[in-house]
N, C-alpha and C. Protein backbone atom coordinates (compact mmCIF):
# COMPACT_ATOMS: atom_id res chain seq x y z
N MET A 1 -114.71 -22.42 97.53
CA MET A 1 -113.92 -23.33 98.30
C MET A 1 -114.44 -23.46 99.71
N VAL A 2 -115.18 -22.51 100.29
CA VAL A 2 -115.58 -22.53 101.61
C VAL A 2 -116.67 -23.62 101.82
N ARG A 3 -117.42 -23.99 100.85
CA ARG A 3 -118.46 -24.98 101.00
C ARG A 3 -117.88 -26.43 100.69
N TYR A 4 -117.33 -27.00 101.75
CA TYR A 4 -116.70 -28.33 101.55
C TYR A 4 -117.68 -29.39 101.11
N ASN A 5 -118.85 -29.40 101.69
CA ASN A 5 -119.84 -30.48 101.40
C ASN A 5 -120.34 -30.43 99.94
N SER A 6 -120.23 -29.23 99.33
CA SER A 6 -120.73 -29.12 97.93
C SER A 6 -119.70 -29.60 96.92
N LEU A 7 -118.49 -29.88 97.31
CA LEU A 7 -117.47 -30.39 96.41
C LEU A 7 -117.73 -31.87 96.08
N ASP A 8 -117.45 -32.21 94.86
CA ASP A 8 -117.62 -33.63 94.43
C ASP A 8 -116.42 -34.44 95.01
N ASP A 9 -116.57 -35.79 95.05
CA ASP A 9 -115.57 -36.68 95.67
C ASP A 9 -114.20 -36.57 95.00
N SER A 10 -114.17 -36.52 93.66
CA SER A 10 -112.87 -36.41 92.98
C SER A 10 -112.16 -35.09 93.29
N THR A 11 -112.87 -33.96 93.44
CA THR A 11 -112.25 -32.75 93.81
C THR A 11 -111.73 -32.81 95.21
N LYS A 12 -112.52 -33.35 96.15
CA LYS A 12 -112.08 -33.54 97.52
C LYS A 12 -110.79 -34.39 97.55
N GLN A 13 -110.77 -35.44 96.76
CA GLN A 13 -109.63 -36.34 96.71
C GLN A 13 -108.37 -35.63 96.18
N ASN A 14 -108.53 -34.84 95.15
CA ASN A 14 -107.46 -34.12 94.53
C ASN A 14 -106.90 -33.07 95.53
N LEU A 15 -107.76 -32.37 96.19
CA LEU A 15 -107.36 -31.37 97.12
C LEU A 15 -106.63 -32.03 98.33
N LYS A 16 -107.16 -33.13 98.81
CA LYS A 16 -106.49 -33.87 99.91
C LYS A 16 -105.10 -34.28 99.44
N GLU A 17 -104.92 -34.79 98.31
CA GLU A 17 -103.63 -35.22 97.85
C GLU A 17 -102.67 -34.07 97.83
N GLN A 18 -103.08 -32.86 97.39
CA GLN A 18 -102.18 -31.69 97.37
C GLN A 18 -101.84 -31.34 98.77
N ILE A 19 -102.74 -31.36 99.75
CA ILE A 19 -102.44 -30.97 101.09
C ILE A 19 -101.45 -32.04 101.72
N ILE A 20 -101.72 -33.28 101.47
CA ILE A 20 -100.82 -34.30 102.04
C ILE A 20 -99.44 -34.20 101.49
N GLU A 21 -99.31 -33.92 100.17
CA GLU A 21 -97.99 -33.79 99.53
C GLU A 21 -97.24 -32.62 100.20
N CYS A 22 -97.88 -31.52 100.46
CA CYS A 22 -97.23 -30.36 101.12
C CYS A 22 -96.94 -30.67 102.57
N ALA A 23 -97.82 -31.37 103.25
CA ALA A 23 -97.58 -31.75 104.66
C ALA A 23 -96.37 -32.62 104.78
N VAL A 24 -96.25 -33.61 103.91
CA VAL A 24 -95.12 -34.56 103.91
C VAL A 24 -93.83 -33.80 103.69
N ALA A 25 -93.88 -32.78 102.86
CA ALA A 25 -92.69 -31.99 102.48
C ALA A 25 -92.10 -31.13 103.63
N ILE A 26 -93.00 -30.93 104.68
CA ILE A 26 -92.47 -30.13 105.81
C ILE A 26 -92.49 -30.95 107.15
N GLY A 27 -92.72 -32.25 107.05
CA GLY A 27 -92.58 -33.03 108.27
C GLY A 27 -93.88 -33.71 108.73
N GLY A 28 -94.95 -33.55 108.01
CA GLY A 28 -96.17 -34.32 108.36
C GLY A 28 -97.34 -33.43 108.74
N LYS A 29 -98.39 -34.12 109.05
CA LYS A 29 -99.70 -33.44 109.32
C LYS A 29 -99.57 -32.43 110.50
N ASN A 30 -98.96 -32.85 111.55
CA ASN A 30 -98.87 -31.96 112.76
C ASN A 30 -98.10 -30.69 112.46
N HIS A 31 -96.96 -30.84 111.75
CA HIS A 31 -96.22 -29.63 111.32
C HIS A 31 -97.05 -28.71 110.45
N PHE A 32 -97.75 -29.29 109.49
CA PHE A 32 -98.56 -28.55 108.58
C PHE A 32 -99.72 -27.81 109.36
N LEU A 33 -100.41 -28.52 110.18
CA LEU A 33 -101.52 -27.92 110.90
C LEU A 33 -101.00 -26.85 111.89
N SER A 34 -99.81 -27.05 112.43
CA SER A 34 -99.21 -26.02 113.34
C SER A 34 -98.94 -24.73 112.51
N LEU A 35 -98.46 -24.91 111.29
CA LEU A 35 -98.22 -23.77 110.47
C LEU A 35 -99.54 -22.92 110.25
N ILE A 36 -100.57 -23.63 109.90
CA ILE A 36 -101.86 -23.02 109.64
C ILE A 36 -102.40 -22.37 110.88
N GLU A 37 -102.36 -23.07 111.97
CA GLU A 37 -102.92 -22.57 113.22
C GLU A 37 -102.17 -21.31 113.71
N GLU A 38 -100.83 -21.35 113.61
CA GLU A 38 -100.04 -20.19 113.98
C GLU A 38 -100.31 -18.95 113.10
N ILE A 39 -100.55 -19.17 111.84
CA ILE A 39 -100.88 -18.06 110.95
C ILE A 39 -102.26 -17.47 111.37
N ARG A 40 -103.22 -18.31 111.68
CA ARG A 40 -104.54 -17.85 112.07
C ARG A 40 -104.55 -17.08 113.39
N GLU A 41 -103.59 -17.48 114.28
CA GLU A 41 -103.52 -16.82 115.63
C GLU A 41 -102.97 -15.46 115.63
N LYS A 42 -102.19 -15.12 114.57
CA LYS A 42 -101.56 -13.79 114.55
C LYS A 42 -102.58 -12.65 114.45
N GLN A 43 -102.31 -11.60 115.24
CA GLN A 43 -103.17 -10.42 115.24
C GLN A 43 -103.03 -9.68 113.89
N ILE A 44 -101.82 -9.50 113.50
CA ILE A 44 -101.57 -8.82 112.22
C ILE A 44 -101.26 -9.95 111.23
N HIS A 45 -101.79 -9.87 110.03
CA HIS A 45 -101.66 -10.92 109.07
C HIS A 45 -100.20 -11.15 108.74
N PRO A 46 -99.68 -12.35 108.73
CA PRO A 46 -98.28 -12.63 108.45
C PRO A 46 -97.80 -12.10 107.11
N LEU A 47 -98.63 -11.98 106.13
CA LEU A 47 -98.23 -11.43 104.83
C LEU A 47 -97.75 -9.98 104.94
N LEU A 48 -98.06 -9.34 105.99
CA LEU A 48 -97.66 -7.89 106.24
C LEU A 48 -96.24 -7.79 106.81
N SER A 49 -95.59 -8.87 107.01
CA SER A 49 -94.27 -8.95 107.68
C SER A 49 -93.28 -8.04 106.93
N LYS A 50 -92.54 -7.21 107.64
CA LYS A 50 -91.60 -6.30 107.10
C LYS A 50 -90.42 -7.01 106.47
N ASP A 51 -90.07 -8.18 107.00
CA ASP A 51 -88.94 -8.94 106.49
C ASP A 51 -89.35 -10.07 105.51
N SER A 52 -90.58 -10.03 105.05
CA SER A 52 -91.09 -10.99 104.07
C SER A 52 -90.89 -12.46 104.47
N SER A 53 -91.18 -12.74 105.78
CA SER A 53 -91.08 -14.07 106.29
C SER A 53 -92.03 -14.28 107.47
N PHE A 54 -92.31 -15.53 107.75
CA PHE A 54 -93.10 -15.88 108.93
C PHE A 54 -92.50 -17.17 109.54
N ARG A 55 -92.06 -17.07 110.74
CA ARG A 55 -91.46 -18.25 111.42
C ARG A 55 -92.58 -18.90 112.25
N PHE A 56 -92.66 -20.21 112.03
CA PHE A 56 -93.57 -21.03 112.87
C PHE A 56 -92.82 -22.05 113.60
N SER A 57 -93.43 -22.80 114.53
CA SER A 57 -92.73 -23.73 115.41
C SER A 57 -91.83 -24.72 114.73
N TYR A 58 -92.18 -25.13 113.53
CA TYR A 58 -91.39 -26.18 112.88
C TYR A 58 -90.75 -25.72 111.61
N GLY A 59 -90.72 -24.40 111.37
CA GLY A 59 -90.05 -23.96 110.09
C GLY A 59 -90.25 -22.51 109.79
N LEU A 60 -90.17 -22.21 108.53
CA LEU A 60 -90.15 -20.85 108.06
C LEU A 60 -90.89 -20.74 106.69
N VAL A 61 -91.66 -19.68 106.57
CA VAL A 61 -92.29 -19.32 105.26
C VAL A 61 -91.67 -17.99 104.86
N LYS A 62 -91.19 -17.91 103.67
CA LYS A 62 -90.55 -16.65 103.20
C LYS A 62 -90.98 -16.40 101.78
N TRP A 63 -91.00 -15.13 101.38
CA TRP A 63 -91.37 -14.72 100.01
C TRP A 63 -90.47 -13.55 99.63
N GLY A 64 -90.56 -13.20 98.36
CA GLY A 64 -89.54 -12.31 97.70
C GLY A 64 -89.56 -10.86 98.05
N LYS A 65 -90.73 -10.30 98.37
CA LYS A 65 -90.77 -8.84 98.65
C LYS A 65 -91.89 -8.50 99.57
N VAL A 66 -91.81 -7.34 100.18
CA VAL A 66 -92.77 -6.89 101.15
C VAL A 66 -94.13 -6.69 100.46
N ILE A 67 -95.16 -7.11 101.09
CA ILE A 67 -96.55 -6.91 100.59
C ILE A 67 -97.20 -5.86 101.45
N PHE A 68 -97.71 -4.85 100.90
CA PHE A 68 -98.31 -3.75 101.67
C PHE A 68 -99.72 -4.00 102.08
N LYS A 69 -100.19 -3.26 103.11
CA LYS A 69 -101.46 -3.50 103.73
C LYS A 69 -102.65 -3.37 102.70
N ASP A 70 -102.59 -2.48 101.80
CA ASP A 70 -103.68 -2.39 100.85
C ASP A 70 -103.85 -3.62 100.00
N LYS A 71 -102.74 -4.26 99.63
CA LYS A 71 -102.79 -5.49 98.84
C LYS A 71 -103.34 -6.62 99.63
N VAL A 72 -102.90 -6.76 100.91
CA VAL A 72 -103.35 -7.79 101.83
C VAL A 72 -104.83 -7.63 102.13
N ASP A 73 -105.23 -6.38 102.31
CA ASP A 73 -106.68 -6.10 102.56
C ASP A 73 -107.57 -6.47 101.36
N LEU A 74 -107.04 -6.18 100.18
CA LEU A 74 -107.73 -6.58 98.98
C LEU A 74 -107.83 -8.13 98.79
N LEU A 75 -106.70 -8.76 99.15
CA LEU A 75 -106.66 -10.21 99.08
C LEU A 75 -107.63 -10.85 100.06
N ILE A 76 -107.75 -10.31 101.22
CA ILE A 76 -108.68 -10.80 102.23
C ILE A 76 -110.08 -10.58 101.77
N THR A 77 -110.38 -9.41 101.22
CA THR A 77 -111.69 -9.14 100.66
C THR A 77 -112.07 -10.12 99.54
N LEU A 78 -111.13 -10.35 98.61
CA LEU A 78 -111.38 -11.28 97.52
C LEU A 78 -111.60 -12.65 98.00
N THR A 79 -110.87 -13.13 99.04
CA THR A 79 -111.10 -14.49 99.57
C THR A 79 -112.43 -14.57 100.29
N ASN A 80 -112.86 -13.59 100.91
CA ASN A 80 -114.13 -13.58 101.63
C ASN A 80 -115.33 -13.53 100.69
N ASP A 81 -115.14 -12.89 99.52
CA ASP A 81 -116.29 -12.62 98.63
C ASP A 81 -116.47 -13.67 97.56
N ARG A 82 -115.49 -14.52 97.32
CA ARG A 82 -115.52 -15.39 96.16
C ARG A 82 -116.23 -16.74 96.45
N GLU A 83 -116.65 -17.35 95.40
CA GLU A 83 -117.27 -18.69 95.45
C GLU A 83 -116.53 -19.62 94.53
N ASN A 84 -116.10 -20.78 95.05
CA ASN A 84 -115.50 -21.86 94.28
C ASN A 84 -114.47 -21.42 93.21
N ASN A 85 -113.40 -20.87 93.69
CA ASN A 85 -112.23 -20.54 92.82
C ASN A 85 -112.61 -19.58 91.69
N GLU A 86 -113.34 -18.61 92.02
CA GLU A 86 -113.80 -17.61 90.99
C GLU A 86 -112.64 -16.94 90.29
N ASN A 87 -112.84 -16.58 89.02
CA ASN A 87 -111.81 -15.86 88.31
C ASN A 87 -111.55 -14.49 88.95
N LEU A 88 -110.32 -14.16 89.20
CA LEU A 88 -109.94 -12.92 89.85
C LEU A 88 -109.88 -11.73 88.85
N MET A 89 -109.66 -12.06 87.59
CA MET A 89 -109.50 -10.98 86.61
C MET A 89 -110.91 -10.43 86.25
N LEU A 90 -110.98 -9.17 86.15
CA LEU A 90 -112.21 -8.52 85.82
C LEU A 90 -112.20 -8.13 84.32
N LYS A 91 -113.38 -7.84 83.75
CA LYS A 91 -113.51 -7.41 82.41
C LYS A 91 -113.00 -5.95 82.26
N LYS A 92 -112.33 -5.68 81.18
CA LYS A 92 -111.84 -4.30 80.96
C LYS A 92 -113.05 -3.33 81.00
N GLY A 93 -112.89 -2.21 81.67
CA GLY A 93 -113.96 -1.27 81.83
C GLY A 93 -114.67 -1.36 83.20
N ASP A 94 -114.44 -2.50 83.87
CA ASP A 94 -115.07 -2.66 85.17
C ASP A 94 -114.51 -1.62 86.13
N LYS A 95 -115.30 -1.21 87.12
CA LYS A 95 -114.90 -0.17 88.01
C LYS A 95 -113.57 -0.48 88.76
N ASN A 96 -113.32 -1.78 89.17
CA ASN A 96 -112.17 -2.12 89.89
C ASN A 96 -111.11 -2.76 89.06
N TYR A 97 -111.20 -2.72 87.75
CA TYR A 97 -110.27 -3.42 86.83
C TYR A 97 -108.82 -3.03 87.11
N LYS A 98 -108.52 -1.76 87.14
CA LYS A 98 -107.13 -1.26 87.32
C LYS A 98 -106.63 -1.71 88.65
N THR A 99 -107.41 -1.61 89.70
CA THR A 99 -106.96 -2.01 91.06
C THR A 99 -106.60 -3.53 91.05
N ILE A 100 -107.46 -4.34 90.53
CA ILE A 100 -107.27 -5.78 90.56
C ILE A 100 -106.05 -6.16 89.69
N MET A 101 -105.90 -5.53 88.53
CA MET A 101 -104.73 -5.79 87.65
C MET A 101 -103.43 -5.46 88.34
N ASN A 102 -103.42 -4.27 89.00
CA ASN A 102 -102.18 -3.88 89.69
C ASN A 102 -101.92 -4.86 90.85
N PHE A 103 -102.96 -5.29 91.54
CA PHE A 103 -102.85 -6.28 92.57
C PHE A 103 -102.28 -7.59 92.04
N LEU A 104 -102.79 -8.11 90.90
CA LEU A 104 -102.28 -9.40 90.27
C LEU A 104 -100.84 -9.24 89.78
N ARG A 105 -100.53 -8.04 89.28
CA ARG A 105 -99.12 -7.86 88.80
C ARG A 105 -98.17 -7.79 89.95
N THR A 106 -98.68 -7.25 91.05
CA THR A 106 -97.75 -7.14 92.25
C THR A 106 -97.52 -8.49 92.96
N LEU A 107 -98.59 -9.25 93.20
CA LEU A 107 -98.46 -10.49 93.91
C LEU A 107 -98.18 -11.69 93.03
N GLY A 108 -98.51 -11.60 91.74
CA GLY A 108 -98.35 -12.77 90.79
C GLY A 108 -97.01 -13.36 90.75
N PRO A 109 -95.97 -12.54 90.63
CA PRO A 109 -94.63 -13.13 90.44
C PRO A 109 -93.99 -13.62 91.75
N ILE A 110 -94.54 -13.30 92.90
CA ILE A 110 -93.96 -13.66 94.16
C ILE A 110 -94.07 -15.19 94.40
N THR A 111 -92.94 -15.83 94.80
CA THR A 111 -92.98 -17.23 95.14
C THR A 111 -92.83 -17.33 96.64
N PHE A 112 -93.74 -18.14 97.22
CA PHE A 112 -93.71 -18.34 98.70
C PHE A 112 -93.05 -19.71 98.95
N GLU A 113 -92.03 -19.72 99.79
CA GLU A 113 -91.28 -20.93 100.09
C GLU A 113 -91.51 -21.37 101.50
N VAL A 114 -91.88 -22.60 101.71
CA VAL A 114 -92.08 -23.12 103.06
C VAL A 114 -91.02 -24.18 103.31
N HIS A 115 -90.24 -23.95 104.37
CA HIS A 115 -89.09 -24.84 104.67
C HIS A 115 -89.25 -25.31 106.13
N PRO A 116 -89.04 -26.65 106.35
CA PRO A 116 -89.05 -27.13 107.76
C PRO A 116 -87.77 -26.68 108.48
N GLU A 117 -87.80 -26.58 109.76
CA GLU A 117 -86.64 -26.18 110.55
C GLU A 117 -85.60 -27.29 110.49
N ASN A 118 -86.00 -28.50 110.51
CA ASN A 118 -85.05 -29.63 110.52
C ASN A 118 -85.07 -30.22 109.11
N LYS A 119 -83.91 -30.29 108.50
CA LYS A 119 -83.83 -30.83 107.13
C LYS A 119 -84.30 -32.30 107.01
N LYS A 120 -84.29 -33.02 108.11
CA LYS A 120 -84.72 -34.38 108.06
C LYS A 120 -86.21 -34.50 107.89
N ASP A 121 -87.01 -33.41 108.18
CA ASP A 121 -88.41 -33.42 108.04
C ASP A 121 -88.88 -33.33 106.59
N GLY A 122 -88.02 -32.90 105.70
CA GLY A 122 -88.45 -32.76 104.31
C GLY A 122 -87.71 -31.64 103.64
N ASP A 123 -88.00 -31.50 102.34
CA ASP A 123 -87.35 -30.47 101.56
C ASP A 123 -88.16 -29.22 101.45
N GLY A 124 -89.40 -29.19 102.03
CA GLY A 124 -90.21 -28.06 101.92
C GLY A 124 -90.88 -27.96 100.56
N PHE A 125 -91.57 -26.89 100.29
CA PHE A 125 -92.31 -26.71 99.06
C PHE A 125 -92.41 -25.24 98.77
N SER A 126 -92.73 -24.93 97.54
CA SER A 126 -92.93 -23.50 97.10
C SER A 126 -94.25 -23.39 96.38
N LEU A 127 -94.81 -22.22 96.46
CA LEU A 127 -96.10 -21.99 95.70
C LEU A 127 -96.24 -20.54 95.26
N GLN A 128 -97.13 -20.32 94.33
CA GLN A 128 -97.41 -18.92 93.88
C GLN A 128 -98.74 -18.58 94.53
N ALA A 129 -99.05 -17.30 94.60
CA ALA A 129 -100.32 -16.83 95.16
C ALA A 129 -101.47 -17.11 94.12
N PHE A 130 -101.16 -17.05 92.86
CA PHE A 130 -102.22 -17.22 91.83
C PHE A 130 -101.85 -18.31 90.81
N ASP A 131 -102.83 -18.91 90.26
CA ASP A 131 -102.69 -19.77 89.10
C ASP A 131 -103.16 -18.99 87.87
N LEU A 132 -102.24 -18.66 87.01
CA LEU A 132 -102.61 -17.96 85.74
C LEU A 132 -103.06 -18.97 84.75
N ILE A 133 -104.31 -18.93 84.34
CA ILE A 133 -104.82 -19.87 83.37
C ILE A 133 -104.57 -19.38 81.96
N ASP A 134 -105.02 -18.17 81.67
CA ASP A 134 -104.68 -17.46 80.42
C ASP A 134 -104.73 -16.00 80.69
N GLU A 135 -104.69 -15.22 79.61
CA GLU A 135 -104.56 -13.71 79.79
C GLU A 135 -105.87 -13.12 80.41
N ASN A 136 -106.95 -13.83 80.46
CA ASN A 136 -108.14 -13.36 80.98
C ASN A 136 -108.66 -14.13 82.19
N THR A 137 -107.88 -15.08 82.67
CA THR A 137 -108.30 -15.94 83.77
C THR A 137 -107.18 -16.19 84.78
N SER A 138 -107.51 -15.94 86.01
CA SER A 138 -106.54 -16.19 87.12
C SER A 138 -107.33 -16.61 88.32
N HIS A 139 -106.81 -17.62 89.01
CA HIS A 139 -107.50 -18.07 90.26
C HIS A 139 -106.48 -18.02 91.40
N LEU A 140 -106.98 -17.90 92.58
CA LEU A 140 -106.19 -18.00 93.77
C LEU A 140 -105.69 -19.43 93.85
N ASN A 141 -104.41 -19.57 94.10
CA ASN A 141 -103.78 -20.90 94.22
C ASN A 141 -104.41 -21.61 95.43
N PHE A 142 -104.73 -22.90 95.26
CA PHE A 142 -105.41 -23.64 96.34
C PHE A 142 -104.55 -23.71 97.59
N MET A 143 -103.27 -24.08 97.44
CA MET A 143 -102.43 -24.19 98.64
C MET A 143 -102.16 -22.86 99.28
N PHE A 144 -102.08 -21.80 98.48
CA PHE A 144 -101.95 -20.42 99.11
C PHE A 144 -103.16 -20.16 99.96
N ASP A 145 -104.33 -20.44 99.40
CA ASP A 145 -105.61 -20.25 100.09
C ASP A 145 -105.60 -21.07 101.40
N VAL A 146 -105.18 -22.33 101.33
CA VAL A 146 -105.21 -23.22 102.49
C VAL A 146 -104.29 -22.65 103.59
N ILE A 147 -103.07 -22.30 103.19
CA ILE A 147 -102.10 -21.84 104.18
C ILE A 147 -102.47 -20.49 104.77
N PHE A 148 -102.94 -19.53 104.08
CA PHE A 148 -103.16 -18.18 104.56
C PHE A 148 -104.58 -17.79 104.89
N PHE A 149 -105.63 -18.44 104.31
CA PHE A 149 -106.94 -17.95 104.44
C PHE A 149 -108.03 -18.90 104.84
N LEU A 150 -108.03 -20.11 104.33
CA LEU A 150 -109.10 -21.05 104.55
C LEU A 150 -109.31 -21.28 106.08
N PRO A 151 -110.52 -21.35 106.61
CA PRO A 151 -110.71 -21.68 108.00
C PRO A 151 -110.17 -23.00 108.32
N ILE A 152 -109.58 -23.12 109.52
CA ILE A 152 -108.89 -24.37 109.92
C ILE A 152 -109.80 -25.57 109.92
N ASN A 153 -111.08 -25.42 110.20
CA ASN A 153 -111.99 -26.58 110.22
C ASN A 153 -112.16 -27.07 108.83
N ILE A 154 -112.14 -26.30 107.82
CA ILE A 154 -112.26 -26.78 106.40
C ILE A 154 -110.95 -27.45 105.99
N VAL A 155 -109.84 -26.91 106.41
CA VAL A 155 -108.55 -27.58 106.13
C VAL A 155 -108.52 -28.98 106.74
N LYS A 156 -108.97 -29.12 107.99
CA LYS A 156 -108.96 -30.39 108.67
C LYS A 156 -109.95 -31.41 107.97
N LYS A 157 -111.10 -30.84 107.47
CA LYS A 157 -112.01 -31.71 106.74
C LYS A 157 -111.38 -32.26 105.47
N LEU A 158 -110.68 -31.35 104.75
CA LEU A 158 -109.98 -31.78 103.55
C LEU A 158 -108.89 -32.76 103.87
N PHE A 159 -108.16 -32.56 104.94
CA PHE A 159 -107.10 -33.40 105.34
C PHE A 159 -107.60 -34.77 105.77
N ASN A 160 -108.70 -34.83 106.48
CA ASN A 160 -109.22 -36.07 107.00
C ASN A 160 -110.25 -36.79 106.15
N GLY A 161 -110.58 -36.19 104.98
CA GLY A 161 -111.58 -36.76 104.10
C GLY A 161 -111.23 -38.16 103.69
N SER A 162 -112.18 -38.91 103.18
CA SER A 162 -111.95 -40.29 102.91
C SER A 162 -111.11 -40.49 101.66
N ILE A 163 -110.34 -41.51 101.61
CA ILE A 163 -109.53 -41.87 100.42
C ILE A 163 -110.20 -43.01 99.77
N LYS A 164 -110.49 -42.91 98.48
CA LYS A 164 -111.14 -43.98 97.77
C LYS A 164 -110.21 -44.48 96.70
N ASN A 165 -109.91 -45.79 96.78
CA ASN A 165 -109.14 -46.50 95.72
C ASN A 165 -107.83 -45.80 95.45
N ASN A 166 -107.08 -45.38 96.48
CA ASN A 166 -105.79 -44.82 96.24
C ASN A 166 -104.72 -45.48 97.11
N SER A 167 -104.31 -46.64 96.74
CA SER A 167 -103.40 -47.37 97.59
C SER A 167 -102.00 -46.66 97.65
N GLU A 168 -101.62 -45.97 96.57
CA GLU A 168 -100.34 -45.25 96.58
C GLU A 168 -100.30 -44.18 97.71
N LEU A 169 -101.40 -43.44 97.78
CA LEU A 169 -101.46 -42.40 98.81
C LEU A 169 -101.51 -42.99 100.20
N LYS A 170 -102.14 -44.14 100.37
CA LYS A 170 -102.18 -44.81 101.66
C LYS A 170 -100.77 -45.19 102.11
N VAL A 171 -99.97 -45.70 101.13
CA VAL A 171 -98.63 -46.10 101.45
C VAL A 171 -97.84 -44.89 101.90
N ILE A 172 -98.02 -43.78 101.19
CA ILE A 172 -97.30 -42.52 101.58
C ILE A 172 -97.66 -42.18 103.04
N LEU A 173 -98.93 -42.21 103.32
CA LEU A 173 -99.43 -41.84 104.68
C LEU A 173 -98.82 -42.72 105.73
N GLU A 174 -98.75 -44.07 105.45
CA GLU A 174 -98.22 -44.95 106.41
C GLU A 174 -96.73 -44.75 106.60
N LYS A 175 -96.03 -44.54 105.52
CA LYS A 175 -94.65 -44.37 105.54
C LYS A 175 -94.26 -43.09 106.28
N GLU A 176 -94.95 -42.02 106.01
CA GLU A 176 -94.62 -40.72 106.63
C GLU A 176 -95.32 -40.54 107.97
N LYS A 177 -96.26 -41.37 108.30
CA LYS A 177 -97.05 -41.27 109.51
C LYS A 177 -97.70 -39.92 109.70
N VAL A 178 -98.34 -39.49 108.63
CA VAL A 178 -99.02 -38.15 108.59
C VAL A 178 -100.22 -38.25 109.49
């Protein structure tokens, strides 16, 4: 995911639509980018919060249970080492199989909810940390990656990328003034 220019146009378009949908749900582009920038500015990663929440200027992100440092460190390592939404599950017998499986079992069921401070800004949205494809395949959820890990310059590129033949999305943008 880190190589924006290597993505094809349809993938860029799909990712942009997901980001815009989430941005509209919390009050627009500025609110969404503020969330991401405030997460990146924190000295200690927000996922390590003892009260399982992160307050930003325009709202709140909360999740179901405390995530410990070893899991967050592993998540950071996985996001730094992977290429294009690589499968997180390892083959049985691999050296780190047990560690990764425990990690996926711990974070997999947690739902992350993003709510705007003002109800007039939108209903918010929720997401999971992982997309479970089948029993042998799991990927990091794209929006989870955008919110907590992707560099801000790539998020902005995805946000500002061109829209081709999508009048419905243009109407949403104009209506919501994203």
